[in-house]
Amino acid sequence: MAQVKHHVACMPSPGMGHLIPHVELAKQLVLRHDISVTFLVPTIGPPSKAITSVLQGLPEHINHVLLPPVNFEEDVKAEIQIVLAIKRSLSSVRDVFKSLVASTHLMALVVDPFGTDVFDVAREFYVPSYLYFLTNALSLSLLHYMPKLDEVISCEVRDMEQPLKLPGFTIPIHGRDFPDPLQDRKNDAYRFMIQIRKRYSLADGILINTFMELEPGVIKALQEEPSMRSIYPIGPIIRTVSDGELVDGSESHQCMCIRWLDNQASGSVLFVSFGSGGTLSYDQLEELALGLELSEQQFLWVVKSPDDKSASGSFFDVHSKTDPFGFLPTGFLDRTKEQGLVVPSWAPQVEVLGHPSTGGFLTHCGWNSTLESIVHGVPLIAWPLYAEQRLNAVILSEDLNVALRPPEYENGLIKREEIAKVIKGLMHGEDGVIIRDRMNRLKDAAAAAVSDGGSSTKTLSQLVHKWKNQN
């Protein structure tokens, strides 16, 4: 009788930014460690074409089960939708677990930070549960401290008189830079985050998509924290190709982007993208367009339709529902046709960042994009929008010093003159030279971490060895 293959169940939260790091981890488990993986995929409404494409493109030994869709009113915050979608999927998760336990050697469950309710199902089947923290160790450290902070403050975190000092991190963190769900203590999203954090102690271990050389002080402090579960820094885990999003004409966008980059000078292009979920307001979209034009810098801009209600307006669907070009300033495309390339909704980010013509990246500071830019050695302009991105921007601009950050006005708007100034500073200024050198050193450290014998490679191997040898 053939030996049953070792098996891991992964359950990412809804959203492209959650799915991609799970998929890349699964590929490593399959290719490097001879493990098969099943994805349990909760959905909010019908799955987007981009997510469907990713799931259909999964390699051999990675299967997926689409859980029944959950629907919400439009005004429900994204964080609450994510948490409730998982809660309402638990009965379906239980059915999948019954099947997996009966047919495979199920060694572990891996969920991301919003999926801790699934720990209860895993415990019913005596399956160890692991948290896959998709962002950095500093965010984990902050969340770890939040229940204690919640007990001692009476104001909103942005109104705290003193910034927070976290173990192993030298930069004080101001309340305004805390993740969005922690900004309103009266909101359900805040309560959910505190409850979720308290459930982290139920995990058998925590995997983090970071590496020792990137956050040595914070990782060491977490590993020495008595109340913290075992910590496994296994990053950078990123896409090697921009697969899975080639839908609705995106394949032609890919060819167009690369052809255009091929005709530009080395290091001359600023890539501008706010990730799969990020959207700007109407006014900010106009200021960005005019700032790019004013900078006279070559650029490749992934533009999305603006959203005055939410900075994460495309979180659950990558593609704009309306033509974003219609929101650009009158005459902008014609005036900048020799200066830049503007594409709607999507571009092959991994290939763009790896192209020799790309010399800078104006980014929303999502952690997937941050790690991709580090791996490719591309210096940054930090423009955080939502979730933990302001905290990421603090790491990039103040701790690692690999990013410039334009000043915001009181209404949150970044003016065209400041945009042009920071672009020129990154691409041609003395600060840009220093940042580029620092980023190249980080690139080398990232490559070393995931090489044979590297710190992250060894950490993941040790974890898999533990899984395969547990009773």
Protein backbone atom coordinates (compact mmCIF):
# COMPACT_ATOMS: atom_id res chain seq x y z
CA MET A 1 0.00 0.00 0.00
CA ALA A 2 1.38 3.43 -0.96
CA GLN A 3 2.45 5.69 1.88
CA VAL A 4 0.05 8.57 2.56
CA LYS A 5 1.72 11.89 1.76
CA HIS A 6 2.27 14.38 4.58
CA HIS A 7 -0.40 17.06 4.35
CA VAL A 8 -0.99 20.65 5.53
CA ALA A 9 -4.24 22.63 5.45
CA CYS A 10 -3.97 26.38 4.74
CA MET A 11 -6.80 28.85 5.23
CA PRO A 12 -6.07 32.38 3.99
CA SER A 13 -8.42 35.23 4.82
CA PRO A 14 -10.39 36.78 1.94
CA GLY A 15 -8.37 39.15 -0.25
CA MET A 16 -5.58 38.85 -2.81
CA GLY A 17 -2.97 40.21 -0.39
CA HIS A 18 -3.72 37.35 2.01
CA LEU A 19 -3.91 34.60 -0.60
CA ILE A 20 -0.58 35.24 -2.36
CA PRO A 21 1.77 34.66 0.63
CA HIS A 22 -0.14 31.48 1.53
CA VAL A 23 0.25 30.20 -2.03
CA GLU A 24 3.98 30.95 -2.07
CA LEU A 25 4.47 29.19 1.28
CA ALA A 26 2.54 26.19 -0.04
CA LYS A 27 4.79 26.03 -3.10
CA GLN A 28 7.85 25.85 -0.84
CA LEU A 29 6.30 23.07 1.25
CA VAL A 30 5.54 21.08 -1.90
CA LEU A 31 8.77 21.64 -3.82
CA ARG A 32 11.31 21.61 -0.97
CA HIS A 33 9.70 19.36 1.63
CA ASP A 34 7.52 16.84 -0.27
CA ILE A 35 4.30 17.94 1.45
CA SER A 36 0.88 18.27 -0.18
CA VAL A 37 -1.39 21.19 0.68
CA THR A 38 -5.12 21.86 0.62
CA PHE A 39 -6.42 25.44 0.62
CA LEU A 40 -9.71 26.21 2.35
CA VAL A 41 -10.77 29.45 0.68
CA PRO A 42 -13.47 31.59 2.33
CA THR A 43 -15.16 33.99 -0.08
CA ILE A 44 -17.08 37.24 0.27
CA GLY A 45 -19.55 37.10 -2.58
CA PRO A 46 -18.37 35.31 -5.73
CA PRO A 47 -14.55 35.03 -5.93
CA SER A 48 -12.90 37.66 -8.12
CA LYS A 49 -11.44 36.68 -11.48
CA ALA A 50 -7.95 37.36 -10.13
CA ILE A 51 -8.37 34.98 -7.18
CA THR A 52 -10.00 32.34 -9.39
CA SER A 53 -7.04 32.58 -11.76
CA VAL A 54 -4.55 32.09 -8.90
CA LEU A 55 -6.41 29.01 -7.63
CA GLN A 56 -6.72 27.50 -11.11
CA GLY A 57 -2.98 27.97 -11.61
CA LEU A 58 -1.92 26.08 -8.48
CA PRO A 59 0.75 23.43 -9.15
CA GLU A 60 0.44 19.70 -8.57
CA HIS A 61 -0.05 18.61 -4.94
CA ILE A 62 -1.79 21.88 -4.02
CA ASN A 63 -5.58 21.55 -3.99
CA HIS A 64 -8.26 24.03 -3.03
CA VAL A 65 -11.81 24.00 -1.70
CA LEU A 66 -13.93 27.11 -2.24
CA LEU A 67 -16.11 27.56 0.84
CA PRO A 68 -19.69 28.82 0.36
CA PRO A 69 -19.73 32.60 -0.21
CA VAL A 70 -20.70 35.03 2.55
CA ASN A 71 -22.39 38.32 1.63
CA PHE A 72 -22.41 41.70 3.41
CA GLU A 73 -23.87 45.16 3.04
CA GLU A 74 -21.50 47.58 1.28
CA ASP A 75 -20.90 49.76 4.36
CA VAL A 76 -19.38 46.99 6.52
CA LYS A 77 -15.67 47.62 7.13
CA ALA A 78 -13.26 45.27 5.31
CA GLU A 79 -11.69 43.97 8.56
CA ILE A 80 -15.12 43.04 9.96
CA GLN A 81 -16.15 41.36 6.70
CA ILE A 82 -12.99 39.25 6.81
CA VAL A 83 -13.46 38.12 10.42
CA LEU A 84 -17.17 37.37 10.00
CA ALA A 85 -16.62 35.54 6.71
CA ILE A 86 -14.35 33.10 8.53
CA LYS A 87 -16.71 32.74 11.52
CA ARG A 88 -19.62 31.98 9.20
CA SER A 89 -17.55 29.41 7.28
CA LEU A 90 -16.66 27.23 10.30
CA SER A 91 -19.27 24.53 9.65
CA SER A 92 -17.96 24.13 6.10
CA VAL A 93 -14.38 24.06 7.42
CA ARG A 94 -15.38 21.25 9.79
CA ASP A 95 -16.71 19.20 6.85
CA VAL A 96 -13.46 19.67 4.91
CA PHE A 97 -11.42 18.67 7.97
CA LYS A 98 -13.40 15.43 8.31
CA SER A 99 -12.51 14.56 4.74
CA LEU A 100 -8.83 15.52 5.08
CA VAL A 101 -8.32 13.63 8.33
CA ALA A 102 -9.90 10.54 6.78
CA SER A 103 -7.89 10.64 3.55
CA THR A 104 -4.51 12.25 4.38
CA HIS A 105 -1.83 12.46 7.06
CA LEU A 106 -2.88 15.97 8.16
CA MET A 107 0.07 17.38 10.14
CA ALA A 108 -0.88 21.02 10.65
CA LEU A 109 -3.31 23.85 10.01
CA VAL A 110 -1.89 27.22 8.91
CA VAL A 111 -4.07 30.36 9.12
CA ASP A 112 -3.30 34.07 8.91
CA PRO A 113 -4.06 36.57 11.71
CA PHE A 114 -7.80 36.85 10.96
CA GLY A 115 -8.34 33.07 10.98
CA THR A 116 -7.85 32.18 14.64
CA ASP A 117 -11.45 30.93 15.04
CA VAL A 118 -10.45 27.93 12.93
CA PHE A 119 -8.10 26.81 15.74
CA ASP A 120 -11.19 25.40 17.51
CA VAL A 121 -11.99 23.14 14.56
CA ALA A 122 -8.39 21.93 14.31
CA ARG A 123 -8.39 21.11 18.03
CA GLU A 124 -11.48 18.91 17.56
CA PHE A 125 -9.42 16.79 15.16
CA TYR A 126 -6.18 16.95 17.23
CA VAL A 127 -4.40 18.85 14.46
CA PRO A 128 -1.73 21.39 15.56
CA SER A 129 -2.52 24.99 14.56
CA TYR A 130 -0.06 27.61 13.35
CA LEU A 131 -0.47 31.31 12.75
CA TYR A 132 1.11 32.65 9.55
CA PHE A 133 1.74 36.34 10.23
CA LEU A 134 1.79 37.87 6.76
CA THR A 135 3.45 41.14 7.69
CA ASN A 136 6.49 42.02 9.82
CA ALA A 137 7.64 41.15 13.32
CA LEU A 138 7.07 44.72 14.51
CA SER A 139 3.35 44.48 13.72
CA LEU A 140 3.19 41.23 15.69
CA SER A 141 4.98 42.88 18.60
CA LEU A 142 2.54 45.80 18.56
CA LEU A 143 -0.49 43.49 18.47
CA HIS A 144 1.01 41.41 21.27
CA TYR A 145 1.15 44.52 23.43
CA MET A 146 -2.32 45.88 22.52
CA PRO A 147 -4.47 44.11 25.19
CA LYS A 148 -2.21 45.56 27.89
CA LEU A 149 -2.31 49.02 26.28
CA ASP A 150 -6.09 48.76 25.95
CA GLU A 151 -6.38 48.38 29.73
CA VAL A 152 -4.31 51.45 30.62
CA ILE A 153 -5.41 54.12 28.13
CA SER A 154 -8.73 55.95 28.03
CA CYS A 155 -8.11 57.97 24.86
CA GLU A 156 -7.75 56.95 21.22
CA VAL A 157 -4.25 55.70 20.39
CA ARG A 158 -3.64 58.66 18.06
CA ASP A 159 -4.19 60.96 21.06
CA MET A 160 -1.64 59.28 23.36
CA GLU A 161 0.74 61.85 24.84
CA GLN A 162 3.79 59.61 24.49
CA PRO A 163 4.79 57.35 21.58
CA LEU A 164 5.11 53.64 22.25
CA LYS A 165 8.50 51.95 22.62
CA LEU A 166 8.50 48.28 21.64
CA PRO A 167 11.25 45.82 22.63
CA GLY A 168 14.02 45.55 20.04
CA PHE A 169 12.88 48.56 17.97
CA THR A 170 14.67 51.86 18.42
CA ILE A 171 12.07 54.17 16.80
CA PRO A 172 9.20 55.36 19.05
CA ILE A 173 5.83 54.55 17.43
CA HIS A 174 3.21 57.29 17.43
CA GLY A 175 -0.44 56.35 17.76
CA ARG A 176 -1.22 57.85 14.34
CA ASP A 177 0.95 55.11 12.80
CA PHE A 178 -0.90 52.21 14.47
CA PRO A 179 -2.84 49.93 12.07
CA ASP A 180 -6.23 51.27 10.94
CA PRO A 181 -8.40 48.81 12.91
CA LEU A 182 -6.78 50.07 16.14
CA GLN A 183 -7.56 53.74 15.47
CA ASP A 184 -11.16 53.74 16.72
CA ARG A 185 -11.68 52.02 20.08
CA LYS A 186 -15.47 52.27 19.75
CA ASN A 187 -15.51 50.42 16.44
CA ASP A 188 -16.21 46.69 16.14
CA ALA A 189 -12.98 46.28 14.15
CA TYR A 190 -10.95 47.37 17.20
CA ARG A 191 -12.72 44.86 19.46
CA PHE A 192 -12.22 42.11 16.91
CA MET A 193 -8.48 42.84 16.73
CA ILE A 194 -8.11 42.67 20.52
CA GLN A 195 -10.08 39.39 20.63
CA ILE A 196 -8.07 37.93 17.76
CA ARG A 197 -4.79 38.87 19.43
CA LYS A 198 -5.85 37.11 22.64
CA ARG A 199 -6.37 33.91 20.64
CA TYR A 200 -2.80 33.94 19.32
CA SER A 201 -1.77 32.05 22.46
CA LEU A 202 -3.81 29.08 21.19
CA ALA A 203 -1.40 28.64 18.26
CA ASP A 204 1.33 26.00 18.44
CA GLY A 205 3.68 28.45 16.74
CA ILE A 206 3.80 31.65 14.68
CA LEU A 207 5.37 31.84 11.22
CA ILE A 208 6.37 35.37 10.14
CA ASN A 209 7.06 36.54 6.59
CA THR A 210 10.26 38.36 7.57
CA PHE A 211 13.90 37.41 8.14
CA MET A 212 16.41 37.76 10.94
CA GLU A 213 18.64 40.19 9.07
CA LEU A 214 15.69 42.54 8.41
CA GLU A 215 14.34 42.80 11.97
CA PRO A 216 16.98 41.28 14.27
CA GLY A 217 16.11 43.24 17.40
CA VAL A 218 12.35 42.75 17.25
CA ILE A 219 12.56 39.05 16.34
CA LYS A 220 15.00 38.38 19.17
CA ALA A 221 12.76 40.24 21.63
CA LEU A 222 9.72 38.21 20.52
CA GLN A 223 11.64 34.95 20.84
CA GLU A 224 12.62 35.90 24.39
CA GLU A 225 9.10 37.00 25.40
CA PRO A 226 7.83 34.33 27.89
CA SER A 227 4.16 34.69 26.89
CA MET A 228 4.85 34.43 23.14
CA ARG A 229 4.47 31.19 21.19
CA SER A 230 7.42 29.79 19.20
CA ILE A 231 8.45 32.25 16.47
CA TYR A 232 9.52 31.10 12.99
CA PRO A 233 10.86 33.89 10.69
CA ILE A 234 10.69 32.23 7.25
CA GLY A 235 10.73 35.14 4.76
CA PRO A 236 11.00 36.73 2.37
CA ILE A 237 8.29 34.57 0.80
CA ILE A 238 7.21 36.35 -2.39
CA ARG A 239 5.99 35.65 -5.90
CA THR A 240 8.68 34.92 -8.46
CA VAL A 241 6.33 35.75 -11.36
CA SER A 242 3.14 37.80 -11.53
CA ASP A 243 1.00 34.76 -12.24
CA GLY A 244 -2.66 34.48 -11.47
CA GLU A 245 -3.74 38.04 -12.29
CA LEU A 246 -3.62 37.72 -16.06
CA VAL A 247 -7.32 38.35 -16.60
CA ASP A 248 -9.42 40.93 -18.44
CA GLY A 249 -6.67 41.86 -20.88
CA SER A 250 -3.90 41.94 -18.29
CA GLU A 251 -1.75 39.68 -20.45
CA SER A 252 -1.56 42.42 -23.07
CA HIS A 253 -0.75 44.89 -20.27
CA GLN A 254 2.16 42.66 -19.26
CA CYS A 255 3.62 42.65 -22.76
CA MET A 256 3.02 46.40 -23.13
CA CYS A 257 4.70 47.22 -19.79
CA ILE A 258 7.78 45.12 -20.44
CA ARG A 259 8.14 46.37 -24.03
CA TRP A 260 7.94 49.96 -22.81
CA LEU A 261 10.50 49.33 -20.05
CA ASP A 262 12.83 47.70 -22.58
CA ASN A 263 13.04 51.06 -24.35
CA GLN A 264 13.92 53.10 -21.23
CA ALA A 265 17.35 53.83 -19.78
CA SER A 266 18.67 51.73 -16.91
CA GLY A 267 17.29 52.83 -13.52
CA SER A 268 15.33 55.70 -15.06
CA VAL A 269 11.71 54.67 -14.37
CA LEU A 270 9.61 55.26 -11.26
CA PHE A 271 7.02 52.49 -10.82
CA VAL A 272 3.81 53.78 -9.21
CA SER A 273 1.34 51.26 -7.79
CA PHE A 274 -0.84 50.99 -4.70
CA GLY A 275 -1.20 47.21 -4.74
CA SER A 276 -4.22 45.03 -5.32
CA GLY A 277 -6.41 46.87 -2.80
CA GLY A 278 -5.27 50.50 -2.62
CA THR A 279 -7.33 53.39 -3.96
CA LEU A 280 -6.90 57.18 -3.81
CA SER A 281 -9.49 59.92 -3.39
CA TYR A 282 -10.54 61.98 -6.42
CA ASP A 283 -8.47 64.96 -5.28
CA GLN A 284 -5.40 62.85 -4.46
CA LEU A 285 -5.51 61.07 -7.81
CA GLU A 286 -5.39 64.46 -9.55
CA GLU A 287 -2.52 65.71 -7.36
CA LEU A 288 -0.53 62.52 -8.02
CA ALA A 289 -1.02 62.82 -11.77
CA LEU A 290 0.08 66.45 -11.80
CA GLY A 291 2.97 65.69 -9.43
CA LEU A 292 4.26 62.98 -11.76
CA GLU A 293 4.02 65.37 -14.69
CA LEU A 294 5.75 68.15 -12.73
CA SER A 295 8.64 65.84 -11.75
CA GLU A 296 9.57 65.30 -15.43
CA GLN A 297 10.56 61.76 -14.37
CA GLN A 298 9.89 58.70 -16.50
CA PHE A 299 7.11 56.68 -14.83
CA LEU A 300 4.98 53.56 -15.14
CA TRP A 301 1.72 54.13 -13.28
CA VAL A 302 -0.95 51.55 -12.45
CA VAL A 303 -4.02 53.76 -12.10
CA LYS A 304 -7.32 52.76 -10.49
CA SER A 305 -10.63 54.54 -10.26
CA PRO A 306 -10.67 56.84 -7.21
CA ASP A 307 -12.74 56.13 -4.11
CA ASP A 308 -13.53 58.94 -1.67
CA LYS A 309 -15.01 56.49 0.86
CA SER A 310 -12.17 53.99 1.30
CA ALA A 311 -8.41 53.74 0.81
CA SER A 312 -8.90 49.98 0.31
CA GLY A 313 -11.68 50.29 -2.23
CA SER A 314 -10.40 47.48 -4.49
CA PHE A 315 -9.36 45.10 -1.68
CA PHE A 316 -11.76 42.33 -2.71
CA ASP A 317 -11.48 42.91 -6.47
CA VAL A 318 -8.26 43.99 -8.18
CA HIS A 319 -9.90 45.49 -11.26
CA SER A 320 -11.63 48.88 -11.37
CA LYS A 321 -15.33 48.69 -12.19
CA THR A 322 -15.15 51.94 -14.19
CA ASP A 323 -12.54 53.24 -16.63
CA PRO A 324 -9.91 54.93 -14.40
CA PHE A 325 -8.56 57.00 -17.30
CA GLY A 326 -11.75 59.06 -17.19
CA PHE A 327 -10.72 60.47 -13.81
CA LEU A 328 -7.30 61.76 -14.89
CA PRO A 329 -6.75 65.52 -15.40
CA THR A 330 -7.80 66.79 -18.81
CA GLY A 331 -4.96 66.39 -21.30
CA PHE A 332 -2.71 64.48 -18.86
CA LEU A 333 -2.28 61.36 -21.00
CA ASP A 334 -1.46 63.40 -24.09
CA ARG A 335 0.99 65.69 -22.28
CA THR A 336 2.88 62.79 -20.66
CA LYS A 337 2.86 60.27 -23.53
CA GLU A 338 6.64 60.65 -23.99
CA GLN A 339 7.30 60.73 -20.24
CA GLY A 340 5.34 57.79 -18.90
CA LEU A 341 3.09 54.79 -19.42
CA VAL A 342 -0.27 54.61 -17.64
CA VAL A 343 -2.05 51.23 -17.41
CA PRO A 344 -5.45 50.52 -15.83
CA SER A 345 -5.84 48.41 -12.66
CA TRP A 346 -2.96 45.95 -13.01
CA ALA A 347 0.66 45.55 -14.08
CA PRO A 348 3.10 42.62 -13.74
CA GLN A 349 4.67 43.97 -10.56
CA VAL A 350 7.30 41.28 -10.03
CA GLU A 351 8.59 41.63 -13.58
CA VAL A 352 8.50 45.43 -13.40
CA LEU A 353 10.47 45.51 -10.13
CA GLY A 354 12.99 43.07 -11.57
CA HIS A 355 13.49 45.05 -14.80
CA PRO A 356 16.80 46.97 -15.06
CA SER A 357 14.99 50.14 -16.18
CA THR A 358 13.08 50.38 -12.89
CA GLY A 359 14.91 52.70 -10.50
CA GLY A 360 12.28 53.46 -7.87
CA PHE A 361 8.89 52.38 -6.54
CA LEU A 362 6.16 54.66 -5.18
CA THR A 363 4.28 52.16 -3.04
CA HIS A 364 1.44 51.85 -0.53
CA CYS A 365 3.86 49.87 1.67
CA GLY A 366 1.83 46.66 1.68
CA TRP A 367 4.13 43.97 3.07
CA ASN A 368 4.04 41.79 -0.06
CA SER A 369 5.11 44.78 -2.18
CA THR A 370 7.71 45.77 0.41
CA LEU A 371 9.36 42.35 0.36
CA GLU A 372 9.25 42.21 -3.45
CA SER A 373 11.04 45.56 -3.66
CA ILE A 374 13.65 44.43 -1.12
CA VAL A 375 14.31 41.21 -3.04
CA HIS A 376 14.82 43.23 -6.24
CA GLY A 377 16.74 46.04 -4.56
CA VAL A 378 14.38 48.84 -5.63
CA PRO A 379 14.38 51.97 -3.39
CA LEU A 380 11.04 53.35 -2.29
CA ILE A 381 8.75 56.31 -1.84
CA ALA A 382 6.46 55.37 1.05
CA TRP A 383 2.79 56.29 0.57
CA PRO A 384 0.78 54.21 3.09
CA LEU A 385 -2.99 53.94 2.69
CA TYR A 386 -4.63 51.43 5.06
CA ALA A 387 -4.21 48.42 7.39
CA GLU A 388 -0.70 48.32 8.93
CA GLN A 389 0.90 50.26 6.07
CA ARG A 390 1.73 53.36 8.16
CA LEU A 391 3.69 51.15 10.53
CA ASN A 392 5.47 49.58 7.55
CA ALA A 393 6.31 53.09 6.31
CA VAL A 394 7.91 53.89 9.68
CA ILE A 395 10.11 50.80 9.37
CA LEU A 396 11.11 51.62 5.79
CA SER A 397 11.71 55.36 6.14
CA GLU A 398 12.93 55.74 9.74
CA ASP A 399 14.47 52.40 10.76
CA LEU A 400 15.83 50.79 7.59
CA ASN A 401 16.23 54.11 5.73
CA VAL A 402 15.33 52.62 2.35
CA ALA A 403 12.40 54.96 1.62
CA LEU A 404 11.54 58.63 1.36
CA ARG A 405 8.15 59.78 2.61
CA PRO A 406 6.36 62.92 1.36
CA PRO A 407 4.72 65.19 3.97
CA GLU A 408 0.93 65.13 4.34
CA TYR A 409 -1.24 68.17 4.92
CA GLU A 410 -3.81 68.16 7.74
CA ASN A 411 -6.55 66.89 5.44
CA GLY A 412 -4.33 63.96 4.45
CA LEU A 413 -3.72 65.31 0.96
CA ILE A 414 -0.21 65.18 -0.52
CA LYS A 415 0.27 68.14 -2.87
CA ARG A 416 1.70 67.91 -6.39
CA GLU A 417 4.75 70.03 -5.49
CA GLU A 418 5.70 67.68 -2.64
CA ILE A 419 5.16 64.68 -4.90
CA ALA A 420 7.49 66.09 -7.57
CA LYS A 421 10.07 67.00 -4.91
CA VAL A 422 10.20 63.54 -3.33
CA ILE A 423 10.38 61.86 -6.76
CA LYS A 424 13.37 64.01 -7.74
CA GLY A 425 14.96 63.31 -4.36
CA LEU A 426 14.72 59.55 -4.79
CA MET A 427 15.71 59.36 -8.44
CA HIS A 428 18.41 62.08 -8.55
CA GLY A 429 19.17 63.41 -5.07
CA GLU A 430 21.88 62.57 -2.52
CA ASP A 431 19.30 60.91 -0.27
CA GLY A 432 18.37 58.67 -3.17
CA VAL A 433 21.98 57.51 -3.55
CA ILE A 434 22.18 56.58 0.14
CA ILE A 435 18.81 54.81 0.07
CA ARG A 436 19.75 52.86 -3.06
CA ASP A 437 22.94 51.62 -1.40
CA ARG A 438 21.07 50.54 1.73
CA MET A 439 18.45 48.73 -0.34
CA ASN A 440 21.11 46.84 -2.28
CA ARG A 441 22.57 45.61 1.00
CA LEU A 442 19.12 44.48 2.12
CA LYS A 443 18.69 42.71 -1.22
CA ASP A 444 21.84 40.68 -0.54
CA ALA A 445 20.69 39.86 3.00
CA ALA A 446 17.29 38.70 1.72
CA ALA A 447 18.93 36.43 -0.86
CA ALA A 448 21.18 34.96 1.82
CA ALA A 449 18.24 34.27 4.16
CA VAL A 450 16.44 32.05 1.65
CA SER A 451 19.53 30.40 0.16
CA ASP A 452 20.55 26.85 1.07
CA GLY A 453 21.71 27.10 4.67
CA GLY A 454 20.22 30.60 5.09
CA SER A 455 18.46 31.60 8.30
CA SER A 456 14.90 31.40 6.92
CA THR A 457 15.55 28.20 4.98
CA LYS A 458 16.85 26.49 8.12
CA THR A 459 13.94 27.77 10.21
CA LEU A 460 11.31 26.38 7.81
CA SER A 461 13.18 23.07 7.55
CA GLN A 462 13.22 22.77 11.35
CA LEU A 463 9.48 23.41 11.51
CA VAL A 464 8.71 20.82 8.81
CA HIS A 465 10.94 18.31 10.62
CA LYS A 466 8.89 18.95 13.78
CA TRP A 467 5.64 18.39 11.86
CA LYS A 468 6.81 15.13 10.31
CA ASN A 469 8.07 13.72 13.60
CA GLN A 470 5.21 14.65 15.94
CA ASN A 471 3.00 11.88 17.28
